[in-house]
Amino acid sequence: MIEKGIDEIKLQTLTGKTPIRYGLQVANKNSDYLCVCFVSSEEDQALYLQEEQSHCLFLMPPKQGDGKPQFTIANYEKCVNEFVEKTARRLKVDRKNILIFGYGEAATMALYFTMYFHYNHAIIGDPVEMTKGYVFQQNPLKPRWKADMRIDKVFQGMYIDNFNRPNIHFYSGSNSQNYEMEIKYLIEVLQEKAILKNIERKRNIGAKGFPSFMTKHKNILMNRLTCEEVIAWQCDHKVLAECVLPPYLQDDKTIQYAFYFYQIGKGDASHKTKYQDSAQYRFVADEGGSYFVKVFIRRGREKMTQNSSKFRITITEDF
């Protein structure tokens, strides 16, 4: 049953004894990865950068007949897990390549889901006590979540199997109102369980910083071909250009680069190279003016381009 469309992702309800609200975005090309994004409301989808290189499954809180979030559904988390794994099998994605995401209230659910069902990787941002969204409860008559329970207490007693230990990539904005009350205690619990892979705190950006954090670690986990920046500048009578890769790609000897130098106002490249192994290139410009460099990057069948910022070339003539 189609409920509504958000950003070209159709939200559906998997009906049955335990209804599951979800939206599925299938990659344009075959992908080895499935990103499972827990969200506490439809608006939260904006946090997750939609892309065409991996499958994305959005999971949303179930609703009661009056439209309010339904907190007490027996075995809900198990039904969600079965649905996630069934979706992965249908898309031919190995379980080890399922990545779990969540921010805010949904981050608490995503973290619980990852630990309880032993998924390999999760990218978590600013978890808070779930008052409006998901609450996992196996027995609605004996809820394991109490209003006065601090968030770290929920995870303190969870067992982590040494043979299938998840890796948690943890983000928190420094202006998070929940940091002093709950998050710093939760970090201690996760550190004790030795499942924190990365911890990053950013100043004064909060939720706005989570998409870039998420994208960075998603690229690392998927070993994607990416470029941090292209730097170009003039040094004496030569122009230098360098393609800066993220650390996880810097030792990859299969990556090649082609440099195209464009003068602002002219359509064709003033200078271009064939693909080469070096991430640096220098040449002597014949004409002054404003330029930028476009670098073509390839690794096997993967290809991408990255532009530098504009820079000024000054030609000095001797009299």
C-alpha atoms as a PDB file:
ATOM      1  CA  MET A   1       0.000   0.000   0.000  1.00  0.00           C
ATOM      2  CA  ILE A   2       1.558   3.324  -1.082  1.00  0.00           C
ATOM      3  CA  GLU A   3       1.296   6.040   1.550  1.00  0.00           C
ATOM      4  CA  LYS A   4       3.166   9.003   0.086  1.00  0.00           C
ATOM      5  CA  GLY A   5       6.292   9.891  -1.864  1.00  0.00           C
ATOM      6  CA  ILE A   6       9.288  11.748  -0.457  1.00  0.00           C
ATOM      7  CA  ASP A   7      12.206  12.819  -2.616  1.00  0.00           C
ATOM      8  CA  GLU A   8      11.216  10.252  -5.237  1.00  0.00           C
ATOM      9  CA  ILE A   9      11.276   7.418  -2.660  1.00  0.00           C
ATOM     10  CA  LYS A  10       7.870   5.818  -2.245  1.00  0.00           C
ATOM     11  CA  LEU A  11       6.957   4.976   1.321  1.00  0.00           C
ATOM     12  CA  GLN A  12       5.162   1.679   1.669  1.00  0.00           C
ATOM     13  CA  THR A  13       3.730  -0.406   4.459  1.00  0.00           C
ATOM     14  CA  LEU A  14       4.488  -4.088   4.633  1.00  0.00           C
ATOM     15  CA  THR A  15       1.210  -5.340   6.045  1.00  0.00           C
ATOM     16  CA  GLY A  16       0.726  -8.252   8.402  1.00  0.00           C
ATOM     17  CA  LYS A  17       0.658  -8.854  12.143  1.00  0.00           C
ATOM     18  CA  THR A  18       3.638  -6.509  12.431  1.00  0.00           C
ATOM     19  CA  PRO A  19       3.408  -3.725   9.824  1.00  0.00           C
ATOM     20  CA  ILE A  20       6.703  -2.194   8.688  1.00  0.00           C
ATOM     21  CA  ARG A  21       6.891   1.231   7.053  1.00  0.00           C
ATOM     22  CA  TYR A  22       9.744   1.537   4.611  1.00  0.00           C
ATOM     23  CA  GLY A  23      11.069   3.167   1.451  1.00  0.00           C
ATOM     24  CA  LEU A  24      13.522   1.446  -0.902  1.00  0.00           C
ATOM     25  CA  GLN A  25      15.865   3.145  -3.350  1.00  0.00           C
ATOM     26  CA  VAL A  26      17.537   0.635  -5.667  1.00  0.00           C
ATOM     27  CA  ALA A  27      20.908   1.554  -7.166  1.00  0.00           C
ATOM     28  CA  ASN A  28      20.975   2.250 -10.910  1.00  0.00           C
ATOM     29  CA  LYS A  29      23.820  -0.219 -11.296  1.00  0.00           C
ATOM     30  CA  ASN A  30      24.574  -3.448  -9.484  1.00  0.00           C
ATOM     31  CA  SER A  31      25.769  -2.616  -5.980  1.00  0.00           C
ATOM     32  CA  ASP A  32      27.449  -4.777  -3.366  1.00  0.00           C
ATOM     33  CA  TYR A  33      26.086  -2.644  -0.499  1.00  0.00           C
ATOM     34  CA  LEU A  34      22.763  -1.979   1.222  1.00  0.00           C
ATOM     35  CA  CYS A  35      22.452   1.148   3.396  1.00  0.00           C
ATOM     36  CA  VAL A  36      19.764   0.680   6.058  1.00  0.00           C
ATOM     37  CA  CYS A  37      18.716   4.146   7.239  1.00  0.00           C
ATOM     38  CA  PHE A  38      16.539   4.359  10.352  1.00  0.00           C
ATOM     39  CA  VAL A  39      14.531   7.579  10.500  1.00  0.00           C
ATOM     40  CA  SER A  40      12.096   8.766  13.162  1.00  0.00           C
ATOM     41  CA  SER A  41      10.092  10.937  10.750  1.00  0.00           C
ATOM     42  CA  GLU A  42       9.720  11.518   7.031  1.00  0.00           C
ATOM     43  CA  GLU A  43      11.622  14.809   7.261  1.00  0.00           C
ATOM     44  CA  ASP A  44      14.724  13.004   8.569  1.00  0.00           C
ATOM     45  CA  GLN A  45      15.368  11.560   5.110  1.00  0.00           C
ATOM     46  CA  ALA A  46      16.991  14.868   4.219  1.00  0.00           C
ATOM     47  CA  LEU A  47      19.962  13.884   6.419  1.00  0.00           C
ATOM     48  CA  TYR A  48      20.855  10.995   4.135  1.00  0.00           C
ATOM     49  CA  LEU A  49      22.477  11.880   0.870  1.00  0.00           C
ATOM     50  CA  GLN A  50      20.660  10.012  -1.846  1.00  0.00           C
ATOM     51  CA  GLU A  51      22.970   8.470  -4.362  1.00  0.00           C
ATOM     52  CA  GLU A  52      22.910   5.955  -7.158  1.00  0.00           C
ATOM     53  CA  GLN A  53      25.868   3.777  -6.213  1.00  0.00           C
ATOM     54  CA  SER A  54      24.299   1.765  -3.384  1.00  0.00           C
ATOM     55  CA  HIS A  55      20.877   0.487  -2.389  1.00  0.00           C
ATOM     56  CA  CYS A  56      19.158   2.465   0.395  1.00  0.00           C
ATOM     57  CA  LEU A  57      16.410   1.082   2.632  1.00  0.00           C
ATOM     58  CA  PHE A  58      14.632   3.662   4.827  1.00  0.00           C
ATOM     59  CA  LEU A  59      12.851   2.263   7.896  1.00  0.00           C
ATOM     60  CA  MET A  60      10.290   4.394   9.728  1.00  0.00           C
ATOM     61  CA  PRO A  61       8.251   4.002  12.901  1.00  0.00           C
ATOM     62  CA  PRO A  62       5.005   2.086  12.706  1.00  0.00           C
ATOM     63  CA  LYS A  63       1.810   4.050  13.280  1.00  0.00           C
ATOM     64  CA  GLN A  64      -1.328   3.364  15.229  1.00  0.00           C
ATOM     65  CA  GLY A  65      -4.757   3.915  13.764  1.00  0.00           C
ATOM     66  CA  ASP A  66      -4.763   7.502  15.036  1.00  0.00           C
ATOM     67  CA  GLY A  67      -1.482   8.239  13.229  1.00  0.00           C
ATOM     68  CA  LYS A  68       0.673   8.408  16.370  1.00  0.00           C
ATOM     69  CA  PRO A  69       3.900   6.385  16.600  1.00  0.00           C
ATOM     70  CA  GLN A  70       3.252   2.924  17.983  1.00  0.00           C
ATOM     71  CA  PHE A  71       5.684   2.128  20.781  1.00  0.00           C
ATOM     72  CA  THR A  72       4.677  -1.343  21.906  1.00  0.00           C
ATOM     73  CA  ILE A  73       4.761  -3.903  19.136  1.00  0.00           C
ATOM     74  CA  ALA A  74       5.866  -7.344  20.257  1.00  0.00           C
ATOM     75  CA  ASN A  75       8.857  -8.712  18.338  1.00  0.00           C
ATOM     76  CA  TYR A  76       8.943  -5.658  16.095  1.00  0.00           C
ATOM     77  CA  GLU A  77      12.747  -5.568  15.930  1.00  0.00           C
ATOM     78  CA  LYS A  78      12.895  -9.223  14.886  1.00  0.00           C
ATOM     79  CA  CYS A  79      10.394  -8.620  12.102  1.00  0.00           C
ATOM     80  CA  VAL A  80      12.426  -5.609  10.927  1.00  0.00           C
ATOM     81  CA  ASN A  81      15.572  -7.733  10.929  1.00  0.00           C
ATOM     82  CA  GLU A  82      13.902 -10.438   8.865  1.00  0.00           C
ATOM     83  CA  PHE A  83      12.739  -7.790   6.393  1.00  0.00           C
ATOM     84  CA  VAL A  84      16.233  -6.249   6.133  1.00  0.00           C
ATOM     85  CA  GLU A  85      17.873  -9.597   5.487  1.00  0.00           C
ATOM     86  CA  LYS A  86      15.183 -10.626   3.004  1.00  0.00           C
ATOM     87  CA  THR A  87      15.707  -7.336   1.130  1.00  0.00           C
ATOM     88  CA  ALA A  88      19.485  -7.905   1.083  1.00  0.00           C
ATOM     89  CA  ARG A  89      19.057 -11.406  -0.333  1.00  0.00           C
ATOM     90  CA  ARG A  90      16.701 -10.135  -3.031  1.00  0.00           C
ATOM     91  CA  LEU A  91      19.267  -7.469  -4.010  1.00  0.00           C
ATOM     92  CA  LYS A  92      22.081 -10.071  -3.805  1.00  0.00           C
ATOM     93  CA  VAL A  93      23.923  -8.125  -1.096  1.00  0.00           C
ATOM     94  CA  ASP A  94      26.122 -10.071   1.320  1.00  0.00           C
ATOM     95  CA  ARG A  95      25.145  -9.569   4.963  1.00  0.00           C
ATOM     96  CA  LYS A  96      28.611  -8.217   5.788  1.00  0.00           C
ATOM     97  CA  ASN A  97      27.917  -5.375   3.337  1.00  0.00           C
ATOM     98  CA  ILE A  98      24.798  -4.117   5.138  1.00  0.00           C
ATOM     99  CA  LEU A  99      25.549  -0.697   6.678  1.00  0.00           C
ATOM    100  CA  ILE A 100      23.283   0.723   9.411  1.00  0.00           C
ATOM    101  CA  PHE A 101      22.650   4.489   9.777  1.00  0.00           C
ATOM    102  CA  GLY A 102      20.789   6.634  12.273  1.00  0.00           C
ATOM    103  CA  TYR A 103      20.680  10.124  13.755  1.00  0.00           C
ATOM    104  CA  GLY A 104      18.931  11.434  16.872  1.00  0.00           C
ATOM    105  CA  GLU A 105      16.089   9.244  18.098  1.00  0.00           C
ATOM    106  CA  ALA A 106      16.565   6.911  15.144  1.00  0.00           C
ATOM    107  CA  ALA A 107      20.274   6.582  16.041  1.00  0.00           C
ATOM    108  CA  THR A 108      19.320   4.879  19.299  1.00  0.00           C
ATOM    109  CA  MET A 109      17.280   2.375  17.371  1.00  0.00           C
ATOM    110  CA  ALA A 110      19.990   1.890  14.736  1.00  0.00           C
ATOM    111  CA  LEU A 111      22.608   1.326  17.444  1.00  0.00           C
ATOM    112  CA  TYR A 112      20.429  -1.179  19.269  1.00  0.00           C
ATOM    113  CA  PHE A 113      19.631  -2.946  15.984  1.00  0.00           C
ATOM    114  CA  THR A 114      23.326  -3.216  15.053  1.00  0.00           C
ATOM    115  CA  MET A 115      24.389  -4.597  18.426  1.00  0.00           C
ATOM    116  CA  TYR A 116      21.422  -6.915  18.949  1.00  0.00           C
ATOM    117  CA  PHE A 117      21.642  -8.536  15.518  1.00  0.00           C
ATOM    118  CA  HIS A 118      25.434  -8.290  15.136  1.00  0.00           C
ATOM    119  CA  TYR A 119      25.762  -6.250  11.965  1.00  0.00           C
ATOM    120  CA  ASN A 120      29.284  -5.327  10.894  1.00  0.00           C
ATOM    121  CA  HIS A 121      29.101  -1.544  10.632  1.00  0.00           C
ATOM    122  CA  ALA A 122      26.955   1.351  11.842  1.00  0.00           C
ATOM    123  CA  ILE A 123      27.287   5.107  11.428  1.00  0.00           C
ATOM    124  CA  ILE A 124      25.589   6.762  14.402  1.00  0.00           C
ATOM    125  CA  GLY A 125      24.956  10.442  15.186  1.00  0.00           C
ATOM    126  CA  ASP A 126      23.812  12.085  18.446  1.00  0.00           C
ATOM    127  CA  PRO A 127      21.519   9.355  19.829  1.00  0.00           C
ATOM    128  CA  VAL A 128      18.790  10.541  22.215  1.00  0.00           C
ATOM    129  CA  GLU A 129      16.144   8.897  24.342  1.00  0.00           C
ATOM    130  CA  MET A 130      13.323   7.757  22.091  1.00  0.00           C
ATOM    131  CA  THR A 131      10.193   9.604  23.143  1.00  0.00           C
ATOM    132  CA  LYS A 132       8.539  10.094  19.756  1.00  0.00           C
ATOM    133  CA  GLY A 133       9.903   7.432  17.431  1.00  0.00           C
ATOM    134  CA  TYR A 134      10.970   3.842  17.674  1.00  0.00           C
ATOM    135  CA  VAL A 135      11.067   1.909  20.887  1.00  0.00           C
ATOM    136  CA  PHE A 136      11.999  -1.749  20.634  1.00  0.00           C
ATOM    137  CA  GLN A 137       9.961  -3.815  23.056  1.00  0.00           C
ATOM    138  CA  GLN A 138       9.608  -7.568  22.824  1.00  0.00           C
ATOM    139  CA  ASN A 139       6.778  -7.656  25.339  1.00  0.00           C
ATOM    140  CA  PRO A 140       4.469  -4.633  25.534  1.00  0.00           C
ATOM    141  CA  LEU A 141       3.412  -5.634  29.036  1.00  0.00           C
ATOM    142  CA  LYS A 142       6.990  -5.564  30.329  1.00  0.00           C
ATOM    143  CA  PRO A 143       8.768  -2.788  28.423  1.00  0.00           C
ATOM    144  CA  ARG A 144      12.536  -2.800  28.778  1.00  0.00           C
ATOM    145  CA  TRP A 145      12.633   0.981  28.224  1.00  0.00           C
ATOM    146  CA  LYS A 146      11.780   3.185  31.196  1.00  0.00           C
ATOM    147  CA  ALA A 147      11.318   6.946  31.174  1.00  0.00           C
ATOM    148  CA  ASP A 148      13.914   7.457  33.898  1.00  0.00           C
ATOM    149  CA  MET A 149      16.511   5.181  32.340  1.00  0.00           C
ATOM    150  CA  ARG A 150      19.611   6.906  30.977  1.00  0.00           C
ATOM    151  CA  ILE A 151      20.473   5.902  27.448  1.00  0.00           C
ATOM    152  CA  ASP A 152      23.733   4.143  28.312  1.00  0.00           C
ATOM    153  CA  LYS A 153      21.902   1.801  30.708  1.00  0.00           C
ATOM    154  CA  VAL A 154      19.955   0.370  27.788  1.00  0.00           C
ATOM    155  CA  PHE A 155      23.175  -0.782  26.110  1.00  0.00           C
ATOM    156  CA  GLN A 156      25.208  -1.653  29.214  1.00  0.00           C
ATOM    157  CA  GLY A 157      23.851  -5.167  29.493  1.00  0.00           C
ATOM    158  CA  MET A 158      23.914  -6.052  25.819  1.00  0.00           C
ATOM    159  CA  TYR A 159      26.150  -8.991  25.002  1.00  0.00           C
ATOM    160  CA  ILE A 160      28.705  -8.588  22.208  1.00  0.00           C
ATOM    161  CA  ASP A 161      30.053 -11.717  20.569  1.00  0.00           C
ATOM    162  CA  ASN A 162      33.827 -11.519  20.136  1.00  0.00           C
ATOM    163  CA  PHE A 163      33.549 -13.453  16.881  1.00  0.00           C
ATOM    164  CA  ASN A 164      31.121 -11.002  15.326  1.00  0.00           C
ATOM    165  CA  ARG A 165      31.968  -7.620  16.793  1.00  0.00           C
ATOM    166  CA  PRO A 166      30.340  -4.568  15.159  1.00  0.00           C
ATOM    167  CA  ASN A 167      32.261  -1.414  14.295  1.00  0.00           C
ATOM    168  CA  ILE A 168      30.504   1.781  15.379  1.00  0.00           C
ATOM    169  CA  HIS A 169      31.411   5.081  13.714  1.00  0.00           C
ATOM    170  CA  PHE A 170      30.170   7.719  16.159  1.00  0.00           C
ATOM    171  CA  TYR A 171      29.437  11.378  15.500  1.00  0.00           C
ATOM    172  CA  SER A 172      28.299  14.109  17.895  1.00  0.00           C
ATOM    173  CA  GLY A 173      27.886  17.816  17.277  1.00  0.00           C
ATOM    174  CA  SER A 174      29.408  19.806  20.134  1.00  0.00           C
ATOM    175  CA  ASN A 175      26.208  21.810  20.496  1.00  0.00           C
ATOM    176  CA  SER A 176      24.213  18.634  21.125  1.00  0.00           C
ATOM    177  CA  GLN A 177      21.963  19.330  24.114  1.00  0.00           C
ATOM    178  CA  ASN A 178      22.029  15.642  24.954  1.00  0.00           C
ATOM    179  CA  TYR A 179      25.806  15.231  25.154  1.00  0.00           C
ATOM    180  CA  GLU A 180      26.356  16.009  28.845  1.00  0.00           C
ATOM    181  CA  MET A 181      23.214  14.168  29.957  1.00  0.00           C
ATOM    182  CA  GLU A 182      23.547  10.936  28.007  1.00  0.00           C
ATOM    183  CA  ILE A 183      25.925  10.705  25.062  1.00  0.00           C
ATOM    184  CA  LYS A 184      29.212  10.911  26.970  1.00  0.00           C
ATOM    185  CA  TYR A 185      28.068   8.059  29.218  1.00  0.00           C
ATOM    186  CA  LEU A 186      26.991   6.025  26.202  1.00  0.00           C
ATOM    187  CA  ILE A 187      30.426   6.515  24.612  1.00  0.00           C
ATOM    188  CA  GLU A 188      32.014   5.026  27.747  1.00  0.00           C
ATOM    189  CA  VAL A 189      29.792   1.956  27.444  1.00  0.00           C
ATOM    190  CA  LEU A 190      30.651   1.500  23.767  1.00  0.00           C
ATOM    191  CA  GLN A 191      34.349   1.933  24.523  1.00  0.00           C
ATOM    192  CA  GLU A 192      34.159  -0.760  27.202  1.00  0.00           C
ATOM    193  CA  LYS A 193      32.631  -3.104  24.646  1.00  0.00           C
ATOM    194  CA  ALA A 194      35.481  -2.249  22.224  1.00  0.00           C
ATOM    195  CA  ILE A 195      33.149  -1.546  19.308  1.00  0.00           C
ATOM    196  CA  LEU A 196      33.860   2.146  18.695  1.00  0.00           C
ATOM    197  CA  LYS A 197      35.784   2.434  15.435  1.00  0.00           C
ATOM    198  CA  ASN A 198      35.793   6.242  15.179  1.00  0.00           C
ATOM    199  CA  ILE A 199      34.589   9.092  17.377  1.00  0.00           C
ATOM    200  CA  GLU A 200      34.220  12.567  15.935  1.00  0.00           C
ATOM    201  CA  ARG A 201      32.909  15.718  17.595  1.00  0.00           C
ATOM    202  CA  LYS A 202      32.340  18.834  15.516  1.00  0.00           C
ATOM    203  CA  ARG A 203      31.880  22.325  16.903  1.00  0.00           C
ATOM    204  CA  ASN A 204      28.619  24.188  16.441  1.00  0.00           C
ATOM    205  CA  ILE A 205      27.240  22.245  13.491  1.00  0.00           C
ATOM    206  CA  GLY A 206      25.121  19.510  15.086  1.00  0.00           C
ATOM    207  CA  ALA A 207      22.929  17.639  12.613  1.00  0.00           C
ATOM    208  CA  LYS A 208      24.275  19.695   9.705  1.00  0.00           C
ATOM    209  CA  GLY A 209      27.628  17.980  10.074  1.00  0.00           C
ATOM    210  CA  PHE A 210      26.275  14.438  10.126  1.00  0.00           C
ATOM    211  CA  PRO A 211      25.766  13.980   6.337  1.00  0.00           C
ATOM    212  CA  SER A 212      29.422  14.776   5.588  1.00  0.00           C
ATOM    213  CA  PHE A 213      30.588  12.503   8.425  1.00  0.00           C
ATOM    214  CA  MET A 214      28.276   9.775   7.152  1.00  0.00           C
ATOM    215  CA  THR A 215      29.447  10.152   3.547  1.00  0.00           C
ATOM    216  CA  LYS A 216      33.120  10.084   4.545  1.00  0.00           C
ATOM    217  CA  HIS A 217      32.830   6.822   6.446  1.00  0.00           C
ATOM    218  CA  LYS A 218      30.479   5.298   3.888  1.00  0.00           C
ATOM    219  CA  ASN A 219      33.137   5.902   1.225  1.00  0.00           C
ATOM    220  CA  ILE A 220      35.790   4.312   3.428  1.00  0.00           C
ATOM    221  CA  LEU A 221      33.677   1.253   4.178  1.00  0.00           C
ATOM    222  CA  MET A 222      32.785   0.804   0.512  1.00  0.00           C
ATOM    223  CA  ASN A 223      36.335   1.613  -0.664  1.00  0.00           C
ATOM    224  CA  ARG A 224      34.936   4.091  -3.145  1.00  0.00           C
ATOM    225  CA  LEU A 225      36.971   6.107  -5.592  1.00  0.00           C
ATOM    226  CA  THR A 226      36.764   9.671  -4.251  1.00  0.00           C
ATOM    227  CA  CYS A 227      38.931  12.787  -4.212  1.00  0.00           C
ATOM    228  CA  GLU A 228      39.238  15.248  -1.347  1.00  0.00           C
ATOM    229  CA  GLU A 229      40.379  18.184  -3.475  1.00  0.00           C
ATOM    230  CA  VAL A 230      42.450  19.334  -6.432  1.00  0.00           C
ATOM    231  CA  ILE A 231      45.044  21.989  -5.609  1.00  0.00           C
ATOM    232  CA  ALA A 232      46.578  24.188  -8.324  1.00  0.00           C
ATOM    233  CA  TRP A 233      48.892  27.180  -8.002  1.00  0.00           C
ATOM    234  CA  GLN A 234      51.704  29.012  -9.727  1.00  0.00           C
ATOM    235  CA  CYS A 235      55.260  28.580  -8.499  1.00  0.00           C
ATOM    236  CA  ASP A 236      57.803  30.810 -10.259  1.00  0.00           C
ATOM    237  CA  HIS A 237      57.292  30.216 -14.001  1.00  0.00           C
ATOM    238  CA  LYS A 238      55.562  26.841 -13.595  1.00  0.00           C
ATOM    239  CA  VAL A 239      52.009  25.798 -12.739  1.00  0.00           C
ATOM    240  CA  LEU A 240      51.662  22.937 -10.253  1.00  0.00           C
ATOM    241  CA  ALA A 241      48.573  20.773  -9.808  1.00  0.00           C
ATOM    242  CA  GLU A 242      47.940  17.984  -7.304  1.00  0.00           C
ATOM    243  CA  CYS A 243      45.029  15.596  -6.754  1.00  0.00           C
ATOM    244  CA  VAL A 244      44.628  14.864  -3.036  1.00  0.00           C
ATOM    245  CA  LEU A 245      43.042  11.498  -2.232  1.00  0.00           C
ATOM    246  CA  PRO A 246      41.607  10.447   1.134  1.00  0.00           C
ATOM    247  CA  PRO A 247      44.018   8.434   3.315  1.00  0.00           C
ATOM    248  CA  TYR A 248      42.424   5.048   2.555  1.00  0.00           C
ATOM    249  CA  LEU A 249      43.210   5.468  -1.180  1.00  0.00           C
ATOM    250  CA  GLN A 250      46.668   7.003  -1.007  1.00  0.00           C
ATOM    251  CA  ASP A 251      48.484   3.653  -1.244  1.00  0.00           C
ATOM    252  CA  ASP A 252      46.358   2.385  -4.128  1.00  0.00           C
ATOM    253  CA  LYS A 253      48.741   2.103  -7.082  1.00  0.00           C
ATOM    254  CA  THR A 254      45.988   1.268  -9.585  1.00  0.00           C
ATOM    255  CA  ILE A 255      44.569   4.823  -9.629  1.00  0.00           C
ATOM    256  CA  GLN A 256      45.479   7.006 -12.618  1.00  0.00           C
ATOM    257  CA  TYR A 257      45.035  10.717 -13.339  1.00  0.00           C
ATOM    258  CA  ALA A 258      44.652  12.951 -16.413  1.00  0.00           C
ATOM    259  CA  PHE A 259      45.037  16.735 -15.967  1.00  0.00           C
ATOM    260  CA  TYR A 260      43.146  19.280 -18.079  1.00  0.00           C
ATOM    261  CA  PHE A 261      43.973  22.987 -17.668  1.00  0.00           C
ATOM    262  CA  TYR A 262      41.228  25.428 -18.637  1.00  0.00           C
ATOM    263  CA  GLN A 263      41.551  29.187 -19.053  1.00  0.00           C
ATOM    264  CA  ILE A 264      38.440  31.034 -17.919  1.00  0.00           C
ATOM    265  CA  GLY A 265      36.544  32.319 -20.970  1.00  0.00           C
ATOM    266  CA  LYS A 266      37.846  29.679 -23.362  1.00  0.00           C
ATOM    267  CA  GLY A 267      35.954  26.505 -24.170  1.00  0.00           C
ATOM    268  CA  ASP A 268      38.745  24.048 -24.946  1.00  0.00           C
ATOM    269  CA  ALA A 269      41.459  22.997 -22.529  1.00  0.00           C
ATOM    270  CA  SER A 270      44.675  24.992 -22.881  1.00  0.00           C
ATOM    271  CA  HIS A 271      46.702  21.945 -21.910  1.00  0.00           C
ATOM    272  CA  LYS A 272      45.818  18.293 -21.294  1.00  0.00           C
ATOM    273  CA  THR A 273      47.630  15.075 -20.432  1.00  0.00           C
ATOM    274  CA  LYS A 274      47.065  11.390 -20.946  1.00  0.00           C
ATOM    275  CA  TYR A 275      46.356   9.181 -17.934  1.00  0.00           C
ATOM    276  CA  GLN A 276      49.382   8.822 -15.674  1.00  0.00           C
ATOM    277  CA  ASP A 277      50.225   7.172 -12.372  1.00  0.00           C
ATOM    278  CA  SER A 278      51.338  10.339 -10.580  1.00  0.00           C
ATOM    279  CA  ALA A 279      48.805  12.470  -8.687  1.00  0.00           C
ATOM    280  CA  GLN A 280      50.922  15.572  -9.421  1.00  0.00           C
ATOM    281  CA  TYR A 281      51.636  17.442 -12.646  1.00  0.00           C
ATOM    282  CA  ARG A 282      53.415  20.652 -13.638  1.00  0.00           C
ATOM    283  CA  PHE A 283      53.615  22.634 -16.852  1.00  0.00           C
ATOM    284  CA  VAL A 284      54.698  26.033 -18.166  1.00  0.00           C
ATOM    285  CA  ALA A 285      51.807  28.310 -19.124  1.00  0.00           C
ATOM    286  CA  ASP A 286      52.102  30.374 -22.310  1.00  0.00           C
ATOM    287  CA  GLU A 287      49.478  32.935 -21.393  1.00  0.00           C
ATOM    288  CA  GLY A 288      48.450  34.680 -18.211  1.00  0.00           C
ATOM    289  CA  GLY A 289      44.886  34.773 -16.882  1.00  0.00           C
ATOM    290  CA  SER A 290      42.468  32.918 -14.633  1.00  0.00           C
ATOM    291  CA  TYR A 291      42.520  29.133 -14.811  1.00  0.00           C
ATOM    292  CA  PHE A 292      41.141  26.017 -13.194  1.00  0.00           C
ATOM    293  CA  VAL A 293      42.189  22.371 -13.452  1.00  0.00           C
ATOM    294  CA  LYS A 294      39.903  19.418 -14.075  1.00  0.00           C
ATOM    295  CA  VAL A 295      41.344  16.036 -13.103  1.00  0.00           C
ATOM    296  CA  PHE A 296      39.973  12.816 -14.570  1.00  0.00           C
ATOM    297  CA  ILE A 297      40.495   9.957 -12.113  1.00  0.00           C
ATOM    298  CA  ARG A 298      40.040   6.270 -12.854  1.00  0.00           C
ATOM    299  CA  ARG A 299      40.505   2.924 -11.127  1.00  0.00           C
ATOM    300  CA  GLY A 300      39.538  -0.014 -13.275  1.00  0.00           C
ATOM    301  CA  ARG A 301      35.975   0.712 -14.418  1.00  0.00           C
ATOM    302  CA  GLU A 302      35.438   3.420 -11.808  1.00  0.00           C
ATOM    303  CA  LYS A 303      35.755   6.983 -13.104  1.00  0.00           C
ATOM    304  CA  MET A 304      35.210  10.443 -11.651  1.00  0.00           C
ATOM    305  CA  THR A 305      36.260  14.065 -12.172  1.00  0.00           C
ATOM    306  CA  GLN A 306      37.191  16.811  -9.755  1.00  0.00           C
ATOM    307  CA  ASN A 307      37.822  20.517 -10.396  1.00  0.00           C
ATOM    308  CA  SER A 308      40.217  22.825  -8.612  1.00  0.00           C
ATOM    309  CA  SER A 309      39.353  26.321  -7.471  1.00  0.00           C
ATOM    310  CA  LYS A 310      40.151  29.183  -9.843  1.00  0.00           C
ATOM    311  CA  PHE A 311      43.701  30.500  -9.666  1.00  0.00           C
ATOM    312  CA  ARG A 312      45.626  33.306 -11.359  1.00  0.00           C
ATOM    313  CA  ILE A 313      48.643  32.828 -13.664  1.00  0.00           C
ATOM    314  CA  THR A 314      50.981  35.791 -14.158  1.00  0.00           C
ATOM    315  CA  ILE A 315      53.471  35.748 -17.038  1.00  0.00           C
ATOM    316  CA  THR A 316      56.607  37.815 -16.420  1.00  0.00           C
ATOM    317  CA  GLU A 317      58.565  38.974 -19.469  1.00  0.00           C
ATOM    318  CA  ASP A 318      62.251  39.914 -19.455  1.00  0.00           C
ATOM    319  CA  PHE A 319      63.257  43.138 -21.246  1.00  0.00           C
END
